[in-house]
N, C-alpha and C. Protein backbone atom coordinates (compact mmCIF):
# COMPACT_ATOMS: atom_id res chain seq x y z
N MET A 1 1.13 -0.87 -0.29
CA MET A 1 0.08 0.26 0.40
C MET A 1 1.14 1.30 0.02
N PRO A 2 0.77 2.44 -0.60
CA PRO A 2 1.49 3.35 -1.05
C PRO A 2 1.26 4.50 0.50
N SER A 3 2.37 4.88 0.36
CA SER A 3 2.13 6.05 2.22
C SER A 3 2.21 7.26 1.68
N VAL A 4 2.01 8.05 2.23
CA VAL A 4 2.08 9.74 1.74
C VAL A 4 2.98 10.21 2.59
N ASN A 5 3.77 11.21 1.80
CA ASN A 5 4.93 11.68 2.63
C ASN A 5 4.22 13.13 3.09
N ALA A 6 4.22 13.48 4.81
CA ALA A 6 3.71 14.44 5.32
C ALA A 6 4.19 16.10 4.78
N ASP A 7 5.76 15.82 4.07
CA ASP A 7 6.27 17.16 3.79
C ASP A 7 5.42 17.65 2.67
N ASN A 8 5.67 16.95 1.62
CA ASN A 8 4.96 17.66 0.52
C ASN A 8 3.46 16.68 -0.23
N LEU A 9 3.15 16.13 0.54
CA LEU A 9 2.04 15.54 0.32
C LEU A 9 1.71 15.07 -0.57
N SER A 10 3.20 13.73 -1.01
CA SER A 10 2.92 13.43 -2.58
C SER A 10 3.07 11.80 -1.90
N VAL A 11 2.79 11.25 -3.04
CA VAL A 11 2.41 9.84 -2.83
C VAL A 11 3.96 8.75 -2.74
N VAL A 12 4.20 8.07 -1.83
CA VAL A 12 5.33 7.43 -2.23
C VAL A 12 5.17 6.19 -2.51
N PRO A 13 5.74 5.29 -3.52
CA PRO A 13 5.38 3.72 -3.93
C PRO A 13 6.00 2.91 -2.87
N PRO A 14 5.31 1.43 -2.52
CA PRO A 14 6.04 0.77 -1.75
C PRO A 14 6.95 0.43 -2.12
N ARG A 15 8.30 0.02 -1.13
CA ARG A 15 9.43 -0.60 -2.04
C ARG A 15 8.92 -1.93 -2.53
N THR A 16 9.76 -2.16 -3.70
CA THR A 16 9.53 -3.81 -4.64
C THR A 16 10.91 -4.04 -4.32
N ARG A 17 10.87 -5.42 -4.54
CA ARG A 17 12.40 -5.95 -4.92
C ARG A 17 12.47 -5.74 -6.60
N THR A 18 13.63 -5.66 -6.56
CA THR A 18 14.26 -5.70 -7.71
C THR A 18 14.31 -7.17 -8.76
N GLY A 19 14.43 -7.31 -9.63
CA GLY A 19 14.44 -8.31 -10.64
C GLY A 19 15.42 -9.36 -10.27
N ALA A 20 16.48 -8.65 -9.94
CA ALA A 20 17.53 -9.90 -9.63
C ALA A 20 17.92 -10.64 -8.33
N ALA A 21 17.09 -9.41 -7.35
CA ALA A 21 16.96 -10.01 -6.00
C ALA A 21 15.83 -11.29 -6.10
N VAL A 22 14.69 -11.06 -7.23
CA VAL A 22 13.74 -11.71 -6.92
C VAL A 22 14.10 -13.61 -7.72
N VAL A 23 15.08 -12.81 -8.72
CA VAL A 23 15.75 -14.29 -9.41
C VAL A 23 16.79 -14.96 -8.22
N LEU A 24 17.47 -14.28 -7.63
CA LEU A 24 18.59 -14.88 -6.58
C LEU A 24 17.54 -15.97 -5.59
N ARG A 25 16.49 -15.22 -5.26
CA ARG A 25 15.78 -15.91 -4.48
C ARG A 25 15.36 -17.10 -4.65
N ARG A 26 14.58 -17.10 -6.08
CA ARG A 26 14.38 -18.39 -6.53
C ARG A 26 15.35 -19.47 -6.97
N ILE A 27 16.08 -18.99 -7.20
CA ILE A 27 17.13 -20.03 -7.43
C ILE A 27 18.47 -20.70 -6.02
N ALA A 28 17.89 -19.91 -5.14
CA ALA A 28 18.73 -20.21 -3.75
C ALA A 28 18.20 -21.91 -3.63
N THR A 29 17.39 -22.53 -3.82
CA THR A 29 17.11 -23.99 -3.37
C THR A 29 18.22 -24.95 -4.34
N PRO A 30 18.11 -24.54 -5.78
CA PRO A 30 18.76 -25.59 -6.86
C PRO A 30 20.21 -24.98 -6.25
N ALA A 31 20.96 -23.70 -6.39
CA ALA A 31 22.12 -23.41 -5.93
C ALA A 31 22.44 -24.01 -4.54
N GLY A 32 21.59 -24.08 -3.59
CA GLY A 32 22.35 -24.64 -2.71
C GLY A 32 22.54 -26.19 -2.76
N VAL A 33 21.53 -26.90 -3.55
CA VAL A 33 21.95 -28.42 -3.61
C VAL A 33 23.22 -28.42 -4.76
N LEU A 34 23.52 -27.33 -5.28
CA LEU A 34 24.58 -27.60 -6.56
C LEU A 34 25.80 -27.48 -5.57
N ALA A 35 25.44 -26.49 -4.95
CA ALA A 35 27.01 -25.96 -3.84
C ALA A 35 27.11 -27.81 -3.32
N GLY A 36 25.97 -28.60 -2.56
CA GLY A 36 26.64 -29.74 -1.81
C GLY A 36 26.75 -30.78 -3.19
N VAL A 37 26.49 -30.67 -4.17
CA VAL A 37 27.14 -31.36 -4.89
C VAL A 37 28.37 -31.59 -5.29
N ILE A 38 28.93 -29.78 -5.95
CA ILE A 38 30.11 -29.22 -5.97
C ILE A 38 31.03 -29.88 -5.13
N GLY A 39 30.58 -29.57 -3.64
CA GLY A 39 31.31 -30.11 -1.98
C GLY A 39 31.94 -31.18 -2.21
N ALA A 40 30.78 -32.36 -2.21
CA ALA A 40 31.05 -33.45 -2.25
C ALA A 40 31.99 -34.20 -3.53
N PHE A 41 32.28 -33.38 -4.45
CA PHE A 41 32.99 -33.63 -5.39
C PHE A 41 34.55 -33.73 -5.72
N ALA A 42 33.80 -32.06 -4.93
CA ALA A 42 35.79 -31.40 -4.27
C ALA A 42 36.52 -32.53 -3.39
N TYR A 43 35.27 -33.05 -2.32
CA TYR A 43 36.11 -33.83 -0.73
C TYR A 43 36.52 -35.06 -2.01
N VAL A 44 35.60 -35.73 -3.08
CA VAL A 44 36.09 -36.90 -3.35
C VAL A 44 37.47 -36.71 -4.43
N GLY A 45 37.34 -35.38 -5.31
CA GLY A 45 38.22 -35.37 -6.04
C GLY A 45 40.09 -35.09 -5.37
N ALA A 46 39.51 -34.29 -4.09
CA ALA A 46 40.96 -34.12 -2.79
C ALA A 46 41.24 -35.58 -2.59
N VAL A 47 40.43 -36.17 -2.12
CA VAL A 47 40.83 -37.55 -1.19
C VAL A 47 40.60 -38.62 -1.81
N ASP A 48 41.81 -39.12 -2.27
CA ASP A 48 41.54 -40.48 -3.22
C ASP A 48 40.80 -41.50 -2.75
N PRO A 49 39.91 -41.84 -3.28
CA PRO A 49 38.89 -43.47 -2.86
C PRO A 49 39.90 -44.42 -3.39
N ASN A 50 41.31 -44.42 -4.02
CA ASN A 50 41.88 -45.80 -4.47
C ASN A 50 42.88 -46.09 -3.39
N GLN A 51 43.25 -45.07 -2.75
CA GLN A 51 44.20 -45.14 -1.42
C GLN A 51 42.98 -46.08 -0.24
N PRO A 52 43.65 -47.42 0.39
CA PRO A 52 42.81 -47.52 1.27
C PRO A 52 42.91 -46.72 2.78
N GLY A 53 41.45 -47.10 3.19
CA GLY A 53 41.44 -46.22 4.85
C GLY A 53 40.81 -44.80 4.57
N HIS A 54 40.22 -44.12 3.54
CA HIS A 54 39.81 -42.91 3.52
C HIS A 54 38.11 -43.17 3.19
N TYR A 55 37.70 -44.26 2.78
CA TYR A 55 36.28 -44.47 2.76
C TYR A 55 35.45 -45.78 3.35
N PRO A 56 34.83 -45.80 3.99
CA PRO A 56 34.23 -47.34 4.44
C PRO A 56 34.14 -48.09 3.20
N VAL A 57 34.58 -49.52 3.12
CA VAL A 57 34.50 -50.42 1.63
C VAL A 57 32.72 -50.94 1.59
N CYS A 58 32.57 -50.94 0.41
CA CYS A 58 31.19 -51.74 0.37
C CYS A 58 30.54 -53.17 0.81
N PRO A 59 29.46 -53.07 1.56
CA PRO A 59 29.60 -54.53 2.78
C PRO A 59 29.13 -55.30 1.66
N LEU A 60 28.22 -54.91 0.61
CA LEU A 60 27.65 -56.57 -0.66
C LEU A 60 29.17 -56.74 -1.10
N LEU A 61 30.03 -56.24 -1.15
CA LEU A 61 31.17 -56.82 -1.83
C LEU A 61 31.95 -57.27 -0.50
N HIS A 62 32.39 -56.86 0.58
CA HIS A 62 32.99 -56.68 1.56
C HIS A 62 32.55 -58.51 1.89
N TYR A 63 31.11 -58.63 2.16
CA TYR A 63 30.59 -59.94 2.44
C TYR A 63 30.30 -61.05 1.70
N THR A 64 30.20 -60.53 0.59
CA THR A 64 29.90 -61.64 -0.76
C THR A 64 31.11 -61.80 -1.92
N GLY A 65 31.74 -60.54 -1.99
CA GLY A 65 32.54 -60.36 -3.28
C GLY A 65 32.01 -60.05 -4.49
N LEU A 66 30.51 -60.00 -4.12
CA LEU A 66 29.94 -59.00 -5.64
C LEU A 66 29.88 -57.70 -5.48
N TYR A 67 29.87 -57.17 -6.46
CA TYR A 67 29.66 -55.97 -6.79
C TYR A 67 28.52 -55.39 -7.15
N CYS A 68 28.11 -54.20 -6.20
CA CYS A 68 26.40 -53.35 -6.33
C CYS A 68 26.70 -52.43 -7.65
N PRO A 69 25.43 -51.83 -7.60
CA PRO A 69 25.42 -51.05 -8.71
C PRO A 69 26.42 -50.17 -8.28
N GLY A 70 26.61 -50.06 -7.32
CA GLY A 70 27.61 -48.28 -6.87
C GLY A 70 28.81 -48.92 -6.59
N CYS A 71 29.50 -49.87 -6.48
CA CYS A 71 30.84 -50.29 -6.35
C CYS A 71 31.71 -49.50 -7.73
N GLY A 72 32.78 -48.87 -7.09
CA GLY A 72 33.43 -48.14 -8.37
C GLY A 72 32.72 -46.69 -8.40
N GLY A 73 31.83 -46.14 -7.58
CA GLY A 73 31.20 -44.92 -7.72
C GLY A 73 31.99 -43.65 -7.03
N LEU A 74 32.43 -43.91 -6.12
CA LEU A 74 33.28 -43.20 -5.76
C LEU A 74 34.93 -42.86 -6.72
N ARG A 75 35.62 -44.32 -6.98
CA ARG A 75 36.85 -44.02 -7.76
C ARG A 75 36.25 -43.15 -9.21
N SER A 76 34.83 -43.37 -9.49
CA SER A 76 34.70 -42.81 -10.98
C SER A 76 34.39 -41.31 -10.81
N ALA A 77 34.12 -41.20 -9.51
CA ALA A 77 33.74 -39.81 -9.57
C ALA A 77 35.06 -38.85 -9.28
N HIS A 78 35.62 -39.83 -8.50
CA HIS A 78 37.47 -39.31 -8.47
C HIS A 78 38.13 -39.03 -9.96
N ALA A 79 38.01 -39.96 -10.79
CA ALA A 79 38.62 -39.89 -12.04
C ALA A 79 37.86 -39.09 -12.55
N PHE A 80 36.72 -38.74 -12.74
CA PHE A 80 35.52 -37.66 -13.81
C PHE A 80 36.43 -36.22 -12.84
N VAL A 81 36.19 -35.92 -12.13
CA VAL A 81 36.93 -34.53 -11.45
C VAL A 81 38.00 -34.34 -11.60
N HIS A 82 38.69 -35.58 -12.16
CA HIS A 82 40.22 -34.95 -12.78
C HIS A 82 40.64 -35.24 -14.02
N GLY A 83 39.15 -35.36 -14.61
CA GLY A 83 39.11 -34.73 -16.17
C GLY A 83 39.45 -36.56 -16.95
N ASP A 84 39.44 -37.53 -16.65
CA ASP A 84 39.99 -38.68 -16.56
C ASP A 84 38.60 -39.70 -16.84
N PHE A 85 37.69 -39.23 -18.21
CA PHE A 85 36.62 -39.80 -18.34
C PHE A 85 36.80 -41.52 -18.82
N GLN A 86 38.02 -41.80 -19.40
CA GLN A 86 38.09 -43.20 -19.66
C GLN A 86 38.12 -44.39 -18.54
N THR A 87 38.91 -43.63 -17.40
CA THR A 87 38.60 -44.11 -16.10
C THR A 87 37.41 -44.22 -15.60
N ALA A 88 36.69 -43.28 -15.56
CA ALA A 88 35.15 -42.49 -14.76
C ALA A 88 34.36 -44.13 -15.06
N LEU A 89 34.64 -44.12 -16.87
CA LEU A 89 33.25 -45.10 -17.54
C LEU A 89 33.98 -46.32 -17.27
N HIS A 90 35.18 -46.61 -16.95
CA HIS A 90 35.75 -48.00 -16.76
C HIS A 90 34.96 -47.98 -14.74
N ASP A 91 35.22 -47.80 -14.40
CA ASP A 91 34.99 -47.69 -12.79
C ASP A 91 33.48 -47.91 -12.40
N ASN A 92 32.81 -47.07 -13.24
CA ASN A 92 31.34 -47.21 -12.97
C ASN A 92 30.38 -46.24 -13.79
N ALA A 93 30.38 -46.96 -15.22
CA ALA A 93 29.70 -46.68 -16.59
C ALA A 93 28.18 -45.82 -15.81
N LEU A 94 27.49 -46.41 -14.81
CA LEU A 94 26.09 -46.36 -14.52
C LEU A 94 26.28 -44.84 -14.07
N ALA A 95 27.45 -44.70 -13.14
CA ALA A 95 27.85 -43.52 -12.08
C ALA A 95 27.62 -42.51 -13.28
N VAL A 96 28.91 -42.19 -14.28
CA VAL A 96 28.80 -41.55 -14.94
C VAL A 96 27.58 -40.97 -15.64
N ALA A 97 26.94 -41.83 -16.10
CA ALA A 97 25.36 -42.01 -16.65
C ALA A 97 24.60 -40.96 -15.49
N GLY A 98 24.70 -40.74 -14.61
CA GLY A 98 24.04 -40.31 -13.40
C GLY A 98 24.36 -38.97 -13.28
N TYR A 99 25.75 -38.69 -13.47
CA TYR A 99 26.25 -37.24 -12.80
C TYR A 99 25.73 -36.54 -14.56
N LEU A 100 25.63 -37.13 -15.54
CA LEU A 100 25.19 -36.29 -16.70
C LEU A 100 23.67 -35.99 -16.52
N GLY A 101 22.88 -37.27 -15.93
CA GLY A 101 21.41 -37.21 -16.00
C GLY A 101 21.34 -35.95 -14.69
N PHE A 102 22.04 -35.96 -13.86
CA PHE A 102 22.01 -35.00 -12.68
C PHE A 102 21.79 -33.73 -13.25
N ALA A 103 23.06 -33.56 -14.07
CA ALA A 103 23.60 -32.02 -14.74
C ALA A 103 22.22 -31.64 -15.48
N VAL A 104 21.66 -32.71 -16.40
CA VAL A 104 20.07 -32.06 -17.16
C VAL A 104 19.22 -31.80 -16.62
N VAL A 105 19.07 -32.39 -15.38
CA VAL A 105 17.73 -31.97 -14.54
C VAL A 105 18.01 -30.76 -13.61
N TRP A 106 19.20 -30.53 -13.15
CA TRP A 106 19.45 -29.51 -12.36
C TRP A 106 19.45 -28.49 -13.26
N ILE A 107 19.68 -28.15 -14.55
CA ILE A 107 19.64 -27.14 -15.07
C ILE A 107 18.21 -26.78 -15.95
N LEU A 108 17.53 -27.76 -15.88
CA LEU A 108 15.76 -27.64 -15.99
C LEU A 108 15.24 -26.88 -14.95
N TRP A 109 15.80 -27.72 -13.49
CA TRP A 109 15.06 -27.05 -12.29
C TRP A 109 15.59 -25.50 -12.23
N ALA A 110 17.18 -25.54 -12.53
CA ALA A 110 17.09 -23.87 -12.34
C ALA A 110 16.42 -23.17 -13.28
N VAL A 111 16.42 -23.09 -14.58
CA VAL A 111 16.04 -22.77 -15.36
C VAL A 111 14.17 -22.43 -14.78
N HIS A 112 13.51 -23.26 -14.68
CA HIS A 112 12.29 -22.95 -14.20
C HIS A 112 12.44 -22.32 -12.98
N ALA A 113 13.29 -22.78 -12.16
CA ALA A 113 12.85 -21.48 -11.10
C ALA A 113 13.19 -20.37 -11.09
N ALA A 114 14.29 -20.00 -11.85
CA ALA A 114 14.62 -18.60 -12.24
C ALA A 114 13.45 -18.01 -12.96
N ARG A 115 12.47 -18.58 -13.42
CA ARG A 115 11.15 -18.15 -14.42
C ARG A 115 10.45 -18.17 -13.64
N GLY A 116 10.10 -18.57 -12.05
CA GLY A 116 9.37 -18.51 -11.54
C GLY A 116 8.18 -19.45 -11.40
N ARG A 117 8.76 -20.79 -12.32
CA ARG A 117 7.69 -22.24 -12.25
C ARG A 117 7.98 -23.31 -11.78
N ARG A 118 7.15 -23.93 -11.09
CA ARG A 118 7.72 -24.91 -10.30
C ARG A 118 7.79 -26.24 -11.34
N VAL A 119 8.70 -26.72 -10.81
CA VAL A 119 9.05 -28.20 -11.60
C VAL A 119 8.40 -29.40 -11.17
N ARG A 120 7.88 -30.43 -12.05
CA ARG A 120 6.80 -31.19 -11.88
C ARG A 120 7.73 -32.34 -11.98
N PHE A 121 8.07 -33.27 -11.27
CA PHE A 121 8.78 -34.35 -11.57
C PHE A 121 8.19 -35.90 -11.01
N ASP A 122 6.92 -36.36 -12.08
CA ASP A 122 6.34 -37.79 -11.93
C ASP A 122 6.42 -38.42 -13.04
N PRO A 123 7.37 -39.17 -13.28
CA PRO A 123 7.98 -40.10 -14.06
C PRO A 123 6.96 -41.37 -14.24
N GLY A 124 6.29 -41.85 -12.95
CA GLY A 124 5.43 -42.72 -13.51
C GLY A 124 6.21 -43.97 -13.14
N PRO A 125 4.91 -45.16 -13.60
CA PRO A 125 5.57 -46.54 -12.99
C PRO A 125 6.44 -47.16 -14.05
N VAL A 126 6.27 -46.79 -15.38
CA VAL A 126 6.84 -47.30 -16.64
C VAL A 126 8.42 -46.97 -16.27
N PRO A 127 8.94 -45.71 -16.40
CA PRO A 127 10.62 -45.17 -16.40
C PRO A 127 11.00 -45.80 -14.96
N LEU A 128 10.01 -45.79 -13.76
CA LEU A 128 11.02 -46.31 -12.43
C LEU A 128 11.10 -47.65 -12.41
N TRP A 129 10.29 -48.99 -13.18
CA TRP A 129 10.68 -49.80 -13.64
C TRP A 129 11.73 -50.06 -14.54
N GLY A 130 11.83 -49.05 -15.79
CA GLY A 130 12.85 -49.13 -16.05
C GLY A 130 14.47 -49.40 -15.60
N LEU A 131 14.10 -48.02 -14.65
CA LEU A 131 15.34 -47.65 -14.15
C LEU A 131 15.87 -48.65 -13.28
N GLY A 132 15.10 -49.75 -12.46
CA GLY A 132 15.13 -50.59 -11.45
C GLY A 132 15.32 -51.81 -12.54
N ALA A 133 15.36 -52.08 -13.48
CA ALA A 133 15.86 -53.10 -14.65
C ALA A 133 16.93 -52.75 -15.13
N LEU A 134 17.13 -51.48 -15.59
CA LEU A 134 18.40 -51.28 -15.78
C LEU A 134 19.73 -51.76 -14.59
N LEU A 135 19.46 -50.81 -13.55
CA LEU A 135 19.96 -51.14 -12.26
C LEU A 135 20.40 -53.07 -12.04
N LEU A 136 18.96 -53.75 -12.01
CA LEU A 136 19.71 -55.14 -12.02
C LEU A 136 20.33 -55.86 -12.94
N VAL A 137 20.20 -55.49 -14.48
CA VAL A 137 20.88 -55.86 -15.30
C VAL A 137 22.33 -55.62 -15.28
N PHE A 138 22.58 -53.95 -15.11
CA PHE A 138 24.24 -53.73 -14.71
C PHE A 138 24.37 -54.11 -13.62
N THR A 139 23.88 -55.09 -12.43
CA THR A 139 24.29 -55.49 -11.46
C THR A 139 24.84 -56.66 -11.52
N VAL A 140 24.10 -57.24 -12.62
CA VAL A 140 24.21 -59.04 -13.07
C VAL A 140 25.24 -58.95 -13.69
N VAL A 141 25.44 -58.36 -14.75
CA VAL A 141 26.24 -58.55 -16.18
C VAL A 141 27.52 -58.25 -15.30
N ARG A 142 27.54 -57.15 -14.62
CA ARG A 142 29.22 -56.79 -13.67
C ARG A 142 29.64 -57.88 -13.08
N ASN A 143 28.57 -58.78 -12.72
CA ASN A 143 29.22 -59.87 -11.76
C ASN A 143 29.10 -61.52 -12.40
N LEU A 144 29.15 -61.32 -13.81
CA LEU A 144 29.04 -62.54 -14.33
C LEU A 144 30.75 -62.56 -15.16
N PRO A 145 30.78 -63.59 -15.49
CA PRO A 145 32.59 -63.81 -15.80
C PRO A 145 32.77 -62.63 -17.09
N PHE A 146 31.80 -63.23 -18.19
CA PHE A 146 32.03 -62.04 -19.42
C PHE A 146 31.76 -60.53 -19.16
N GLY A 147 31.10 -60.19 -18.12
CA GLY A 147 30.99 -58.56 -17.89
C GLY A 147 32.08 -58.27 -16.96
N GLY A 148 33.47 -58.46 -17.03
CA GLY A 148 34.51 -58.21 -16.57
C GLY A 148 35.01 -56.66 -16.70
N TRP A 149 34.69 -56.43 -17.85
CA TRP A 149 34.75 -55.20 -18.31
C TRP A 149 34.25 -54.39 -17.40
N LEU A 150 33.13 -54.54 -16.48
CA LEU A 150 32.27 -53.59 -15.83
C LEU A 150 32.96 -53.47 -14.30
N HIS A 151 34.00 -53.97 -14.33
CA HIS A 151 34.13 -54.19 -12.81
C HIS A 151 34.96 -53.19 -12.46
N PRO A 152 34.87 -52.51 -11.20
CA PRO A 152 35.72 -51.28 -10.88
C PRO A 152 37.52 -51.30 -10.99
């Protein structure tokens, strides 16, 4: 609501936020998530998972000798941070696909947020079952003799 200036009886408009302030407020959550991901990648890039003792071992690999879908993910992230994409793909190809998928989803989220639109992510059952099947097939193949090229 406008206020009246008593000195000269002029109407003073209420303070409004500038366009930049509104956009910054809108992208605060995507920016916070990105900061967390960058922090995690920076830590993994600085602390080499190829050296024992820095990270816990995978319980499935430790107790059964089987590789889970996430085995090699930290080594893959370390290689990815250092620009060694061939090693990153070798250590965990599915993780590299996940990094790229996250980047696409984050960009869409940030653009929608900056424009003041909500992002609705409702993949439905078919893509979720497909993702589950992909994880299962990846896990099974990497543990079979002919899937040795998928071992981290």
